[in-house]
Amino acid sequence: MLKQANATLLALISEKKTVNFVLDFRPISSCTTFYKTIIKILVKMMKKAMTILVGNEQATFVPNRTIFENIIVA
């Protein structure tokens, strides 16, 4: 079951009308719905924990702030 839940479908989409090389393809991956659902649940849980773990002076994990704001503060 775990092996099937973690399966990903990989497709190669051509970027040009005439394909001469493998580099003319662009890989597209499609994860399963089960995998995406688990990841979304984990991210939602981590957001709650990050507000407790990260201080206000840290800009990297605070929403609507960028890492470059630390340069201005310094």
PDB file of N, CA and C in Angstrom:
ATOM      1  N   MET A   1       0.823  -1.200   0.000  1.00  0.00           N
ATOM      2  CA  MET A   1       0.000   0.000   0.000  1.00  0.00           C
ATOM      3  C   MET A   1       0.862   1.256   0.000  1.00  0.00           C
ATOM      4  N   LEU A   2       1.889   1.278   0.833  1.00  0.00           N
ATOM      5  CA  LEU A   2       2.736   2.463   0.915  1.00  0.00           C
ATOM      6  C   LEU A   2       3.452   2.728  -0.397  1.00  0.00           C
ATOM      7  N   LYS A   3       3.864   1.690  -1.079  1.00  0.00           N
ATOM      8  CA  LYS A   3       4.557   1.849  -2.356  1.00  0.00           C
ATOM      9  C   LYS A   3       3.632   2.485  -3.397  1.00  0.00           C
ATOM     10  N   GLN A   4       2.369   2.091  -3.411  1.00  0.00           N
ATOM     11  CA  GLN A   4       1.408   2.649  -4.358  1.00  0.00           C
ATOM     12  C   GLN A   4       1.020   4.079  -3.995  1.00  0.00           C
ATOM     13  N   ALA A   5       0.989   4.402  -2.703  1.00  0.00           N
ATOM     14  CA  ALA A   5       0.612   5.746  -2.273  1.00  0.00           C
ATOM     15  C   ALA A   5       1.679   6.766  -2.632  1.00  0.00           C
ATOM     16  N   ASN A   6       2.915   6.330  -2.713  1.00  0.00           N
ATOM     17  CA  ASN A   6       4.020   7.236  -3.003  1.00  0.00           C
ATOM     18  C   ASN A   6       4.383   7.247  -4.487  1.00  0.00           C
ATOM     19  N   ALA A   7       3.580   6.635  -5.328  1.00  0.00           N
ATOM     20  CA  ALA A   7       3.879   6.561  -6.760  1.00  0.00           C
ATOM     21  C   ALA A   7       3.670   7.921  -7.424  1.00  0.00           C
ATOM     22  N   THR A   8       4.478   8.203  -8.412  1.00  0.00           N
ATOM     23  CA  THR A   8       4.384   9.445  -9.174  1.00  0.00           C
ATOM     24  C   THR A   8       4.414   9.114 -10.656  1.00  0.00           C
ATOM     25  N   LEU A   9       3.530   9.740 -11.394  1.00  0.00           N
ATOM     26  CA  LEU A   9       3.499   9.566 -12.842  1.00  0.00           C
ATOM     27  C   LEU A   9       4.370  10.640 -13.469  1.00  0.00           C
ATOM     28  N   LEU A  10       5.304  10.238 -14.312  1.00  0.00           N
ATOM     29  CA  LEU A  10       6.217  11.168 -14.965  1.00  0.00           C
ATOM     30  C   LEU A  10       5.931  11.167 -16.460  1.00  0.00           C
ATOM     31  N   ALA A  11       5.716  12.350 -17.013  1.00  0.00           N
ATOM     32  CA  ALA A  11       5.454  12.486 -18.446  1.00  0.00           C
ATOM     33  C   ALA A  11       6.441  13.485 -19.029  1.00  0.00           C
ATOM     34  N   LEU A  12       6.836  13.256 -20.272  1.00  0.00           N
ATOM     35  CA  LEU A  12       7.732  14.178 -20.969  1.00  0.00           C
ATOM     36  C   LEU A  12       6.921  14.955 -22.005  1.00  0.00           C
ATOM     37  N   ILE A  13       6.903  16.267 -21.892  1.00  0.00           N
ATOM     38  CA  ILE A  13       6.173  17.141 -22.802  1.00  0.00           C
ATOM     39  C   ILE A  13       7.185  17.827 -23.708  1.00  0.00           C
ATOM     40  N   SER A  14       6.952  17.789 -25.007  1.00  0.00           N
ATOM     41  CA  SER A  14       7.903  18.417 -25.935  1.00  0.00           C
ATOM     42  C   SER A  14       7.713  19.925 -25.942  1.00  0.00           C
ATOM     43  N   GLU A  15       8.805  20.643 -25.981  1.00  0.00           N
ATOM     44  CA  GLU A  15       8.776  22.098 -26.016  1.00  0.00           C
ATOM     45  C   GLU A  15       8.783  22.633 -27.446  1.00  0.00           C
ATOM     46  N   LYS A  16       9.151  21.791 -28.400  1.00  0.00           N
ATOM     47  CA  LYS A  16       9.241  22.190 -29.807  1.00  0.00           C
ATOM     48  C   LYS A  16       8.373  21.273 -30.652  1.00  0.00           C
ATOM     49  N   LYS A  17       8.073  21.719 -31.867  1.00  0.00           N
ATOM     50  CA  LYS A  17       7.281  20.884 -32.766  1.00  0.00           C
ATOM     51  C   LYS A  17       8.085  19.701 -33.279  1.00  0.00           C
ATOM     52  N   THR A  18       9.338  19.938 -33.597  1.00  0.00           N
ATOM     53  CA  THR A  18      10.219  18.848 -34.024  1.00  0.00           C
ATOM     54  C   THR A  18      11.225  18.577 -32.914  1.00  0.00           C
ATOM     55  N   VAL A  19      11.267  17.357 -32.466  1.00  0.00           N
ATOM     56  CA  VAL A  19      12.128  16.977 -31.355  1.00  0.00           C
ATOM     57  C   VAL A  19      13.335  16.225 -31.899  1.00  0.00           C
ATOM     58  N   ASN A  20      14.535  16.741 -31.599  1.00  0.00           N
ATOM     59  CA  ASN A  20      15.771  16.114 -32.042  1.00  0.00           C
ATOM     60  C   ASN A  20      16.577  15.522 -30.893  1.00  0.00           C
ATOM     61  N   PHE A  21      16.459  16.107 -29.718  1.00  0.00           N
ATOM     62  CA  PHE A  21      17.246  15.695 -28.570  1.00  0.00           C
ATOM     63  C   PHE A  21      16.337  15.470 -27.373  1.00  0.00           C
ATOM     64  N   VAL A  22      16.852  14.766 -26.405  1.00  0.00           N
ATOM     65  CA  VAL A  22      16.100  14.539 -25.162  1.00  0.00           C
ATOM     66  C   VAL A  22      15.918  15.856 -24.405  1.00  0.00           C
ATOM     67  N   LEU A  23      16.853  16.764 -24.568  1.00  0.00           N
ATOM     68  CA  LEU A  23      16.757  18.065 -23.894  1.00  0.00           C
ATOM     69  C   LEU A  23      15.597  18.912 -24.407  1.00  0.00           C
ATOM     70  N   ASP A  24      14.967  18.517 -25.517  1.00  0.00           N
ATOM     71  CA  ASP A  24      13.819  19.246 -26.042  1.00  0.00           C
ATOM     72  C   ASP A  24      12.532  18.920 -25.285  1.00  0.00           C
ATOM     73  N   PHE A  25      12.607  17.984 -24.364  1.00  0.00           N
ATOM     74  CA  PHE A  25      11.454  17.620 -23.551  1.00  0.00           C
ATOM     75  C   PHE A  25      11.526  18.284 -22.185  1.00  0.00           C
ATOM     76  N   ARG A  26      10.351  18.517 -21.618  1.00  0.00           N
ATOM     77  CA  ARG A  26      10.260  19.064 -20.267  1.00  0.00           C
ATOM     78  C   ARG A  26       9.531  18.028 -19.408  1.00  0.00           C
ATOM     79  N   PRO A  27      10.128  17.576 -18.303  1.00  0.00           N
ATOM     80  CA  PRO A  27       9.462  16.568 -17.473  1.00  0.00           C
ATOM     81  C   PRO A  27       8.365  17.190 -16.602  1.00  0.00           C
ATOM     82  N   ILE A  28       7.230  16.528 -16.558  1.00  0.00           N
ATOM     83  CA  ILE A  28       6.105  16.935 -15.723  1.00  0.00           C
ATOM     84  C   ILE A  28       5.780  15.752 -14.815  1.00  0.00           C
ATOM     85  N   SER A  29       5.721  15.991 -13.515  1.00  0.00           N
ATOM     86  CA  SER A  29       5.397  14.903 -12.592  1.00  0.00           C
ATOM     87  C   SER A  29       4.033  15.150 -11.962  1.00  0.00           C
ATOM     88  N   SER A  30       3.333  14.078 -11.688  1.00  0.00           N
ATOM     89  CA  SER A  30       2.004  14.141 -11.100  1.00  0.00           C
ATOM     90  C   SER A  30       1.982  13.233  -9.879  1.00  0.00           C
ATOM     91  N   CYS A  31       1.950  13.834  -8.699  1.00  0.00           N
ATOM     92  CA  CYS A  31       1.888  13.043  -7.469  1.00  0.00           C
ATOM     93  C   CYS A  31       0.453  12.590  -7.228  1.00  0.00           C
ATOM     94  N   THR A  32       0.306  11.569  -6.437  1.00  0.00           N
ATOM     95  CA  THR A  32      -1.028  11.068  -6.145  1.00  0.00           C
ATOM     96  C   THR A  32      -1.762  12.002  -5.195  1.00  0.00           C
ATOM     97  N   THR A  33      -3.068  11.905  -5.190  1.00  0.00           N
ATOM     98  CA  THR A  33      -3.900  12.762  -4.347  1.00  0.00           C
ATOM     99  C   THR A  33      -3.643  12.479  -2.868  1.00  0.00           C
ATOM    100  N   PHE A  34      -3.427  11.222  -2.529  1.00  0.00           N
ATOM    101  CA  PHE A  34      -3.144  10.849  -1.142  1.00  0.00           C
ATOM    102  C   PHE A  34      -1.892  11.562  -0.638  1.00  0.00           C
ATOM    103  N   TYR A  35      -0.850  11.572  -1.432  1.00  0.00           N
ATOM    104  CA  TYR A  35       0.412  12.216  -1.069  1.00  0.00           C
ATOM    105  C   TYR A  35       0.211  13.717  -0.861  1.00  0.00           C
ATOM    106  N   LYS A  36      -0.509  14.364  -1.772  1.00  0.00           N
ATOM    107  CA  LYS A  36      -0.750  15.806  -1.664  1.00  0.00           C
ATOM    108  C   LYS A  36      -1.564  16.139  -0.425  1.00  0.00           C
ATOM    109  N   THR A  37      -2.530  15.308  -0.088  1.00  0.00           N
ATOM    110  CA  THR A  37      -3.363  15.538   1.088  1.00  0.00           C
ATOM    111  C   THR A  37      -2.541  15.453   2.367  1.00  0.00           C
ATOM    112  N   ILE A  38      -1.692  14.459   2.468  1.00  0.00           N
ATOM    113  CA  ILE A  38      -0.834  14.314   3.650  1.00  0.00           C
ATOM    114  C   ILE A  38       0.097  15.509   3.790  1.00  0.00           C
ATOM    115  N   ILE A  39       0.675  15.958   2.697  1.00  0.00           N
ATOM    116  CA  ILE A  39       1.589  17.109   2.740  1.00  0.00           C
ATOM    117  C   ILE A  39       0.850  18.370   3.183  1.00  0.00           C
ATOM    118  N   LYS A  40      -0.365  18.598   2.689  1.00  0.00           N
ATOM    119  CA  LYS A  40      -1.134  19.780   3.082  1.00  0.00           C
ATOM    120  C   LYS A  40      -1.476  19.757   4.567  1.00  0.00           C
ATOM    121  N   ILE A  41      -1.793  18.586   5.099  1.00  0.00           N
ATOM    122  CA  ILE A  41      -2.077  18.465   6.532  1.00  0.00           C
ATOM    123  C   ILE A  41      -0.824  18.770   7.348  1.00  0.00           C
ATOM    124  N   LEU A  42       0.325  18.237   6.924  1.00  0.00           N
ATOM    125  CA  LEU A  42       1.580  18.498   7.636  1.00  0.00           C
ATOM    126  C   LEU A  42       1.958  19.977   7.607  1.00  0.00           C
ATOM    127  N   VAL A  43       1.777  20.619   6.473  1.00  0.00           N
ATOM    128  CA  VAL A  43       2.105  22.044   6.356  1.00  0.00           C
ATOM    129  C   VAL A  43       1.209  22.873   7.268  1.00  0.00           C
ATOM    130  N   LYS A  44      -0.068  22.532   7.329  1.00  0.00           N
ATOM    131  CA  LYS A  44      -1.003  23.264   8.184  1.00  0.00           C
ATOM    132  C   LYS A  44      -0.620  23.123   9.654  1.00  0.00           C
ATOM    133  N   MET A  45      -0.203  21.923  10.048  1.00  0.00           N
ATOM    134  CA  MET A  45       0.219  21.699  11.429  1.00  0.00           C
ATOM    135  C   MET A  45       1.526  22.421  11.734  1.00  0.00           C
ATOM    136  N   MET A  46       2.442  22.449  10.776  1.00  0.00           N
ATOM    137  CA  MET A  46       3.724  23.118  10.992  1.00  0.00           C
ATOM    138  C   MET A  46       3.570  24.626  11.099  1.00  0.00           C
ATOM    139  N   LYS A  47       2.597  25.216  10.397  1.00  0.00           N
ATOM    140  CA  LYS A  47       2.380  26.662  10.487  1.00  0.00           C
ATOM    141  C   LYS A  47       2.039  27.069  11.909  1.00  0.00           C
ATOM    142  N   LYS A  48       1.223  26.252  12.587  1.00  0.00           N
ATOM    143  CA  LYS A  48       0.866  26.556  13.977  1.00  0.00           C
ATOM    144  C   LYS A  48       2.089  26.466  14.885  1.00  0.00           C
ATOM    145  N   ALA A  49       2.934  25.478  14.668  1.00  0.00           N
ATOM    146  CA  ALA A  49       4.112  25.299  15.494  1.00  0.00           C
ATOM    147  C   ALA A  49       5.154  26.382  15.218  1.00  0.00           C
ATOM    148  N   MET A  50       5.251  26.845  13.978  1.00  0.00           N
ATOM    149  CA  MET A  50       6.265  27.847  13.631  1.00  0.00           C
ATOM    150  C   MET A  50       6.012  29.180  14.328  1.00  0.00           C
ATOM    151  N   THR A  51       4.757  29.532  14.567  1.00  0.00           N
ATOM    152  CA  THR A  51       4.476  30.792  15.264  1.00  0.00           C
ATOM    153  C   THR A  51       4.989  30.753  16.696  1.00  0.00           C
ATOM    154  N   ILE A  52       5.055  29.577  17.285  1.00  0.00           N
ATOM    155  CA  ILE A  52       5.573  29.436  18.651  1.00  0.00           C
ATOM    156  C   ILE A  52       7.096  29.389  18.649  1.00  0.00           C
ATOM    157  N   LEU A  53       7.685  28.692  17.684  1.00  0.00           N
ATOM    158  CA  LEU A  53       9.129  28.456  17.669  1.00  0.00           C
ATOM    159  C   LEU A  53       9.942  29.629  17.151  1.00  0.00           C
ATOM    160  N   VAL A  54       9.396  30.421  16.244  1.00  0.00           N
ATOM    161  CA  VAL A  54      10.144  31.495  15.598  1.00  0.00           C
ATOM    162  C   VAL A  54       9.824  32.814  16.286  1.00  0.00           C
ATOM    163  N   GLY A  55      10.867  33.554  16.640  1.00  0.00           N
ATOM    164  CA  GLY A  55      10.686  34.841  17.292  1.00  0.00           C
ATOM    165  C   GLY A  55      10.277  35.936  16.308  1.00  0.00           C
ATOM    166  N   ASN A  56       9.792  37.053  16.830  1.00  0.00           N
ATOM    167  CA  ASN A  56       9.344  38.175  15.989  1.00  0.00           C
ATOM    168  C   ASN A  56      10.490  38.840  15.236  1.00  0.00           C
ATOM    169  N   GLU A  57      11.707  38.749  15.771  1.00  0.00           N
ATOM    170  CA  GLU A  57      12.837  39.390  15.105  1.00  0.00           C
ATOM    171  C   GLU A  57      13.353  38.588  13.923  1.00  0.00           C
ATOM    172  N   GLN A  58      12.918  37.351  13.771  1.00  0.00           N
ATOM    173  CA  GLN A  58      13.323  36.542  12.628  1.00  0.00           C
ATOM    174  C   GLN A  58      12.344  36.766  11.485  1.00  0.00           C
ATOM    175  N   ALA A  59      12.869  37.106  10.322  1.00  0.00           N
ATOM    176  CA  ALA A  59      12.008  37.460   9.194  1.00  0.00           C
ATOM    177  C   ALA A  59      11.805  36.322   8.211  1.00  0.00           C
ATOM    178  N   THR A  60      12.575  35.275   8.300  1.00  0.00           N
ATOM    179  CA  THR A  60      12.513  34.240   7.275  1.00  0.00           C
ATOM    180  C   THR A  60      11.192  33.489   7.278  1.00  0.00           C
ATOM    181  N   PHE A  61      10.690  33.103   8.440  1.00  0.00           N
ATOM    182  CA  PHE A  61       9.492  32.285   8.505  1.00  0.00           C
ATOM    183  C   PHE A  61       8.237  33.078   8.858  1.00  0.00           C
ATOM    184  N   VAL A  62       8.335  34.392   8.911  1.00  0.00           N
ATOM    185  CA  VAL A  62       7.181  35.223   9.227  1.00  0.00           C
ATOM    186  C   VAL A  62       6.481  35.594   7.925  1.00  0.00           C
ATOM    187  N   PRO A  63       5.156  35.389   7.840  1.00  0.00           N
ATOM    188  CA  PRO A  63       4.446  35.733   6.599  1.00  0.00           C
ATOM    189  C   PRO A  63       4.594  37.217   6.250  1.00  0.00           C
ATOM    190  N   ASN A  64       4.651  37.514   4.972  1.00  0.00           N
ATOM    191  CA  ASN A  64       4.756  38.875   4.423  1.00  0.00           C
ATOM    192  C   ASN A  64       6.077  39.559   4.748  1.00  0.00           C
ATOM    193  N   ARG A  65       7.101  38.803   5.118  1.00  0.00           N
ATOM    194  CA  ARG A  65       8.437  39.356   5.314  1.00  0.00           C
ATOM    195  C   ARG A  65       9.414  38.577   4.448  1.00  0.00           C
ATOM    196  N   THR A  66      10.470  39.243   4.042  1.00  0.00           N
ATOM    197  CA  THR A  66      11.498  38.583   3.250  1.00  0.00           C
ATOM    198  C   THR A  66      12.796  38.521   4.044  1.00  0.00           C
ATOM    199  N   ILE A  67      13.711  37.684   3.607  1.00  0.00           N
ATOM    200  CA  ILE A  67      14.995  37.538   4.295  1.00  0.00           C
ATOM    201  C   ILE A  67      15.842  38.806   4.152  1.00  0.00           C
ATOM    202  N   PHE A  68      15.576  39.600   3.113  1.00  0.00           N
ATOM    203  CA  PHE A  68      16.350  40.820   2.882  1.00  0.00           C
ATOM    204  C   PHE A  68      16.055  41.895   3.909  1.00  0.00           C
ATOM    205  N   GLU A  69      14.940  41.785   4.615  1.00  0.00           N
ATOM    206  CA  GLU A  69      14.628  42.762   5.664  1.00  0.00           C
ATOM    207  C   GLU A  69      15.621  42.675   6.814  1.00  0.00           C
ATOM    208  N   ASN A  70      16.263  41.517   6.989  1.00  0.00           N
ATOM    209  CA  ASN A  70      17.290  41.393   8.033  1.00  0.00           C
ATOM    210  C   ASN A  70      18.490  42.281   7.728  1.00  0.00           C
ATOM    211  N   ILE A  71      18.777  42.500   6.465  1.00  0.00           N
ATOM    212  CA  ILE A  71      19.883  43.382   6.090  1.00  0.00           C
ATOM    213  C   ILE A  71      19.595  44.814   6.508  1.00  0.00           C
ATOM    214  N   ILE A  72      18.365  45.226   6.326  1.00  0.00           N
ATOM    215  CA  ILE A  72      17.966  46.594   6.717  1.00  0.00           C
ATOM    216  C   ILE A  72      18.057  46.756   8.220  1.00  0.00           C
ATOM    217  N   VAL A  73      17.636  45.757   8.964  1.00  0.00           N
ATOM    218  CA  VAL A  73      17.687  45.815  10.426  1.00  0.00           C
ATOM    219  C   VAL A  73      19.133  45.861  10.914  1.00  0.00           C
ATOM    220  N   ALA A  74      20.002  45.074  10.256  1.00  0.00           N
ATOM    221  CA  ALA A  74      21.415  45.048  10.665  1.00  0.00           C
ATOM    222  C   ALA A  74      22.080  46.369  10.367  1.00  0.00           C
TER     223      ALA A  74
END
